[in-house]
Amino acid sequence: MKKILIYILCTITLTSCFDDDTLTGNIEPFALKIKVTDTDGNLVSNANVKLYNSSDDFLVAKNSFVSDQTNSEGTVTFNAQALGDDPAVYYFDVEDGDKRNWSSVTLTPLMLKTNGVTLVETTVTDVLPEFLILLSKTWVISSFVNGGKISGHPIPDCALDDTFVFLKSGRVIRTDAGIVCNPMRTASNEGTDWSAFSLNKDATAINMRDPEPNWFDIEFTGTEPGSGPNFMEDAPVTITKNEITITQPFFPRSVTFVPQ
């Protein structure tokens, strides 16, 4: 008799025996929600958030497939229509003035359609404006202060057509854009991870491989300042939107880069 009574009560008061969402099918739809705060824990509204399908696209900030801004609660939501159906890990940039999320969370967990809403929290911090300028363009060597000659030798065209791309990861990609000086060297037309780089706290000095063309054929084995035979440490640098000038620490000359 007690079993019959329990069955009747469950039938009459369905909500006491089953979850409301199970009965109504009210399951949260598939979506990615990104929450952005600053270093003080304040919510950041109107920040631009861009999603990428790969780490390569994220590093060069190209081929973002969807973007939006955070709302007054510091969040932005990308639904299933924007994300697609396939399981994936997404990389994302957050831009708020000169602040970025690069020292915080920059990728999602594996996203599945069965996940419902996935919340990812990230923090934006200040980035040097000069660092952002380096990342914003593809650069080429334009000249040396000694009139285009180093140690009495003209700078070859095969060196002057090389391009340099600075990545947010602190690496420089150099690509032989046309003429290859030496087919045996490590660079290729597809580009190579050529050097580490970093700026000091006020962007007046740079650490990176010496861009002198005479160094181009030397194998670079180090990845940190001081670990390679031709790595410049604390070389004075001036960075503007249209020019980078680096003073070589070991020679009385400087090299200038301009946008490609």
Protein backbone atom coordinates (compact mmCIF):
# COMPACT_ATOMS: atom_id res chain seq x y z
CA MET A 1 0.00 0.00 0.00
CA LYS A 2 2.87 2.38 0.83
CA LYS A 3 4.49 1.72 -2.58
CA ILE A 4 1.21 2.54 -4.36
CA LEU A 5 0.86 5.78 -2.37
CA ILE A 6 4.44 6.87 -3.25
CA TYR A 7 3.79 6.18 -6.93
CA ILE A 8 0.57 8.25 -6.87
CA LEU A 9 2.35 11.18 -5.14
CA CYS A 10 5.14 11.14 -7.73
CA THR A 11 2.61 11.11 -10.53
CA ILE A 12 0.73 14.08 -9.08
CA THR A 13 3.75 16.17 -7.98
CA LEU A 14 6.23 15.44 -10.76
CA THR A 15 8.63 18.14 -9.66
CA SER A 16 9.38 16.32 -6.41
CA CYS A 17 10.66 13.24 -8.24
CA PHE A 18 12.32 14.70 -11.32
CA ASP A 19 14.43 17.72 -12.14
CA ASP A 20 12.51 20.53 -13.88
CA ASP A 21 15.07 20.69 -16.69
CA THR A 22 14.73 16.96 -17.35
CA LEU A 23 10.96 17.25 -17.67
CA THR A 24 10.86 20.36 -19.82
CA GLY A 25 14.01 19.78 -21.90
CA ASN A 26 15.29 23.16 -20.64
CA ILE A 27 19.01 22.26 -20.94
CA GLU A 28 21.45 25.14 -21.39
CA PRO A 29 22.36 25.53 -25.07
CA PHE A 30 25.94 25.08 -26.25
CA ALA A 31 27.92 28.33 -25.88
CA LEU A 32 31.23 29.83 -24.80
CA LYS A 33 31.13 32.65 -22.24
CA ILE A 34 34.32 34.62 -21.59
CA LYS A 35 34.56 36.81 -18.49
CA VAL A 36 37.16 39.58 -18.43
CA THR A 37 38.55 41.35 -15.36
CA ASP A 38 41.51 43.63 -14.71
CA THR A 39 44.29 43.03 -12.19
CA ASP A 40 42.16 44.61 -9.44
CA GLY A 41 39.31 42.22 -10.11
CA ASN A 42 37.10 44.84 -11.78
CA LEU A 43 34.83 43.74 -14.61
CA VAL A 44 36.00 45.04 -17.98
CA SER A 45 33.24 46.15 -20.36
CA ASN A 46 33.57 47.06 -24.06
CA ALA A 47 36.71 44.94 -24.46
CA ASN A 48 37.19 43.40 -27.90
CA VAL A 49 37.36 39.60 -27.88
CA LYS A 50 38.55 37.67 -30.96
CA LEU A 51 38.48 33.90 -31.41
CA TYR A 52 40.95 31.84 -33.45
CA ASN A 53 40.94 28.21 -34.53
CA SER A 54 44.69 27.66 -34.07
CA SER A 55 47.68 28.84 -32.06
CA ASP A 56 49.40 29.95 -35.28
CA ASP A 57 46.53 32.31 -36.13
CA PHE A 58 46.45 33.53 -32.54
CA LEU A 59 50.19 34.33 -32.49
CA VAL A 60 50.03 36.49 -35.63
CA ALA A 61 46.50 37.81 -34.91
CA LYS A 62 45.13 36.72 -38.27
CA ASN A 63 42.06 34.79 -39.44
CA SER A 64 39.90 35.47 -36.41
CA PHE A 65 36.60 33.78 -37.24
CA VAL A 66 34.36 35.68 -34.82
CA SER A 67 34.64 38.69 -32.50
CA ASP A 68 32.45 40.68 -30.12
CA GLN A 69 32.64 43.05 -27.15
CA THR A 70 32.13 42.36 -23.47
CA ASN A 71 28.96 43.70 -21.88
CA SER A 72 28.50 45.67 -18.65
CA GLU A 73 29.04 42.44 -16.68
CA GLY A 74 32.44 41.92 -18.32
CA THR A 75 31.27 38.91 -20.33
CA VAL A 76 30.78 38.03 -23.97
CA THR A 77 28.99 34.93 -25.23
CA PHE A 78 29.55 33.05 -28.48
CA ASN A 79 26.74 30.65 -29.39
CA ALA A 80 26.66 27.41 -31.35
CA GLN A 81 26.07 29.22 -34.63
CA ALA A 82 29.36 31.11 -34.20
CA LEU A 83 31.36 28.13 -32.89
CA GLY A 84 30.18 25.39 -35.23
CA ASP A 85 29.53 21.72 -34.55
CA ASP A 86 32.98 20.15 -34.38
CA PRO A 87 34.81 19.61 -31.07
CA ALA A 88 37.55 22.24 -30.78
CA VAL A 89 39.87 24.25 -28.56
CA TYR A 90 39.70 27.97 -29.27
CA TYR A 91 42.38 30.62 -28.73
CA PHE A 92 41.30 34.16 -27.96
CA ASP A 93 42.63 37.70 -27.74
CA VAL A 94 41.15 40.31 -25.41
CA GLU A 95 41.94 43.95 -26.22
CA ASP A 96 41.14 46.81 -23.86
CA GLY A 97 43.18 49.85 -24.88
CA ASP A 98 46.80 48.84 -24.26
CA LYS A 99 45.73 45.95 -22.05
CA ARG A 100 45.77 42.34 -23.25
CA ASN A 101 45.09 38.89 -21.78
CA TRP A 102 48.40 37.42 -23.00
CA SER A 103 49.75 36.79 -19.50
CA SER A 104 46.50 35.14 -18.41
CA VAL A 105 44.16 32.56 -19.99
CA THR A 106 44.24 32.60 -23.80
CA LEU A 107 42.56 29.32 -24.76
CA THR A 108 39.46 27.33 -23.93
CA PRO A 109 39.10 23.73 -22.79
CA LEU A 110 37.90 21.26 -25.40
CA MET A 111 34.49 22.50 -26.48
CA LEU A 112 31.78 19.89 -27.10
CA LYS A 113 28.16 20.49 -28.06
CA THR A 114 27.12 18.48 -25.02
CA ASN A 115 28.94 20.87 -22.67
CA GLY A 116 26.18 23.44 -22.40
CA VAL A 117 27.68 26.83 -21.50
CA THR A 118 31.44 26.84 -20.82
CA LEU A 119 32.70 29.77 -18.75
CA VAL A 120 36.32 30.89 -19.22
CA GLU A 121 37.75 33.68 -17.05
CA THR A 122 40.74 35.79 -18.06
CA THR A 123 42.56 38.92 -16.87
CA VAL A 124 43.92 41.81 -18.91
CA THR A 125 47.17 43.58 -18.00
CA ASP A 126 49.09 46.52 -19.42
CA VAL A 127 51.27 45.94 -22.50
CA LEU A 128 53.90 48.44 -23.63
CA PRO A 129 52.61 50.50 -26.60
CA GLU A 130 55.98 49.96 -28.29
CA PHE A 131 55.55 46.19 -27.98
CA LEU A 132 52.16 46.48 -29.70
CA ILE A 133 53.76 48.53 -32.50
CA LEU A 134 56.33 45.78 -33.09
CA LEU A 135 53.51 43.25 -33.42
CA SER A 136 51.33 45.41 -35.66
CA LYS A 137 53.42 45.26 -38.84
CA THR A 138 55.76 43.20 -40.99
CA TRP A 139 59.18 44.88 -41.00
CA VAL A 140 62.12 45.03 -43.43
CA ILE A 141 65.64 46.43 -43.03
CA SER A 142 65.87 49.80 -44.75
CA SER A 143 69.38 51.01 -43.96
CA PHE A 144 72.43 51.14 -41.74
CA VAL A 145 73.89 54.44 -40.54
CA ASN A 146 77.12 53.88 -42.48
CA GLY A 147 75.36 54.33 -45.80
CA GLY A 148 74.33 50.76 -46.45
CA LYS A 149 77.70 49.10 -45.92
CA ILE A 150 78.97 46.87 -43.13
CA SER A 151 82.72 46.34 -42.68
CA GLY A 152 83.24 47.67 -46.21
CA HIS A 153 80.85 45.15 -47.82
CA PRO A 154 77.57 46.19 -49.49
CA ILE A 155 74.39 44.80 -47.92
CA PRO A 156 73.20 42.15 -50.38
CA ASP A 157 69.72 42.34 -51.89
CA CYS A 158 69.06 38.85 -50.55
CA ALA A 159 69.27 40.29 -47.02
CA LEU A 160 67.36 43.49 -47.63
CA ASP A 161 64.28 41.64 -48.93
CA ASP A 162 63.95 39.56 -45.75
CA THR A 163 60.90 40.27 -43.60
CA PHE A 164 60.69 40.25 -39.80
CA VAL A 165 57.52 39.52 -37.81
CA PHE A 166 57.45 40.00 -34.04
CA LEU A 167 55.10 37.67 -32.18
CA LYS A 168 53.29 38.17 -28.87
CA SER A 169 55.09 35.04 -27.64
CA GLY A 170 58.40 36.93 -27.67
CA ARG A 171 59.75 35.37 -30.85
CA VAL A 172 60.84 36.87 -34.18
CA ILE A 173 59.98 35.13 -37.45
CA ARG A 174 62.29 35.96 -40.35
CA THR A 175 61.32 35.06 -43.90
CA ASP A 176 63.29 35.18 -47.14
CA ALA A 177 60.77 37.16 -49.12
CA GLY A 178 62.40 36.57 -52.48
CA ILE A 179 66.13 36.05 -52.94
CA VAL A 180 67.78 33.42 -50.73
CA CYS A 181 71.36 34.30 -49.78
CA ASN A 182 72.34 30.78 -48.84
CA PRO A 183 70.04 27.80 -49.50
CA MET A 184 71.79 25.86 -46.72
CA ARG A 185 70.89 28.29 -43.94
CA THR A 186 67.96 27.70 -41.61
CA ALA A 187 65.63 30.38 -43.03
CA SER A 188 63.17 29.48 -45.76
CA ASN A 189 60.48 31.14 -47.83
CA GLU A 190 57.97 29.89 -45.26
CA GLY A 191 59.76 31.71 -42.43
CA THR A 192 61.73 30.48 -39.49
CA ASP A 193 61.69 30.97 -35.73
CA TRP A 194 64.75 33.20 -35.90
CA SER A 195 65.20 34.78 -32.48
CA ALA A 196 63.80 35.53 -29.07
CA PHE A 197 63.13 39.19 -28.26
CA SER A 198 62.08 41.33 -25.32
CA LEU A 199 61.92 44.99 -24.35
CA ASN A 200 62.98 46.54 -21.07
CA LYS A 201 60.32 48.12 -18.87
CA ASP A 202 60.36 51.51 -20.60
CA ALA A 203 60.97 50.20 -24.15
CA THR A 204 64.33 51.95 -24.52
CA ALA A 205 66.35 48.76 -25.01
CA ILE A 206 65.78 45.46 -26.79
CA ASN A 207 67.19 41.95 -26.46
CA MET A 208 67.29 40.04 -29.75
CA ARG A 209 69.55 38.47 -32.32
CA ASP A 210 71.80 40.89 -34.22
CA PRO A 211 70.02 41.67 -37.53
CA GLU A 212 73.27 42.48 -39.35
CA PRO A 213 73.24 40.52 -42.64
CA ASN A 214 76.77 39.24 -41.94
CA TRP A 215 75.26 37.25 -39.07
CA PHE A 216 72.52 35.65 -41.18
CA ASP A 217 74.50 32.53 -42.06
CA ILE A 218 75.51 31.79 -38.47
CA GLU A 219 73.55 28.98 -36.87
CA PHE A 220 71.56 30.33 -33.92
CA THR A 221 71.21 27.74 -31.18
CA GLY A 222 70.18 29.89 -28.21
CA THR A 223 66.67 30.95 -27.29
CA GLU A 224 67.39 33.31 -24.40
CA PRO A 225 69.51 36.46 -24.03
CA GLY A 226 73.18 35.62 -23.83
CA SER A 227 72.78 32.06 -25.09
CA GLY A 228 73.78 32.73 -28.71
CA PRO A 229 77.05 34.12 -30.10
CA ASN A 230 75.30 37.04 -31.80
CA PHE A 231 72.58 37.91 -29.32
CA MET A 232 72.29 41.61 -28.46
CA GLU A 233 71.52 42.41 -24.84
CA ASP A 234 70.06 45.77 -23.83
CA ALA A 235 70.68 47.31 -27.25
CA PRO A 236 69.31 50.88 -27.32
CA VAL A 237 66.16 51.04 -29.45
CA THR A 238 63.71 53.67 -30.66
CA ILE A 239 60.28 52.43 -31.77
CA THR A 240 57.69 54.52 -33.62
CA LYS A 241 54.76 53.54 -35.81
CA ASN A 242 56.90 53.91 -38.94
CA GLU A 243 60.41 53.01 -37.84
CA ILE A 244 62.52 50.84 -35.55
CA THR A 245 66.12 51.92 -34.96
CA ILE A 246 68.47 49.63 -33.03
CA THR A 247 71.96 50.74 -32.05
CA GLN A 248 74.39 47.87 -32.29
CA PRO A 249 76.17 47.44 -28.94
CA PHE A 250 79.41 46.12 -30.40
CA PHE A 251 79.84 48.40 -33.43
CA PRO A 252 79.48 52.18 -33.94
CA ARG A 253 76.40 51.88 -36.14
CA SER A 254 72.67 51.29 -36.06
CA VAL A 255 70.13 49.45 -38.17
CA THR A 256 66.70 50.73 -39.17
CA PHE A 257 63.55 48.76 -39.93
CA VAL A 258 60.49 50.14 -41.70
CA PRO A 259 57.07 48.61 -42.44
CA GLN A 260 57.03 46.38 -45.52
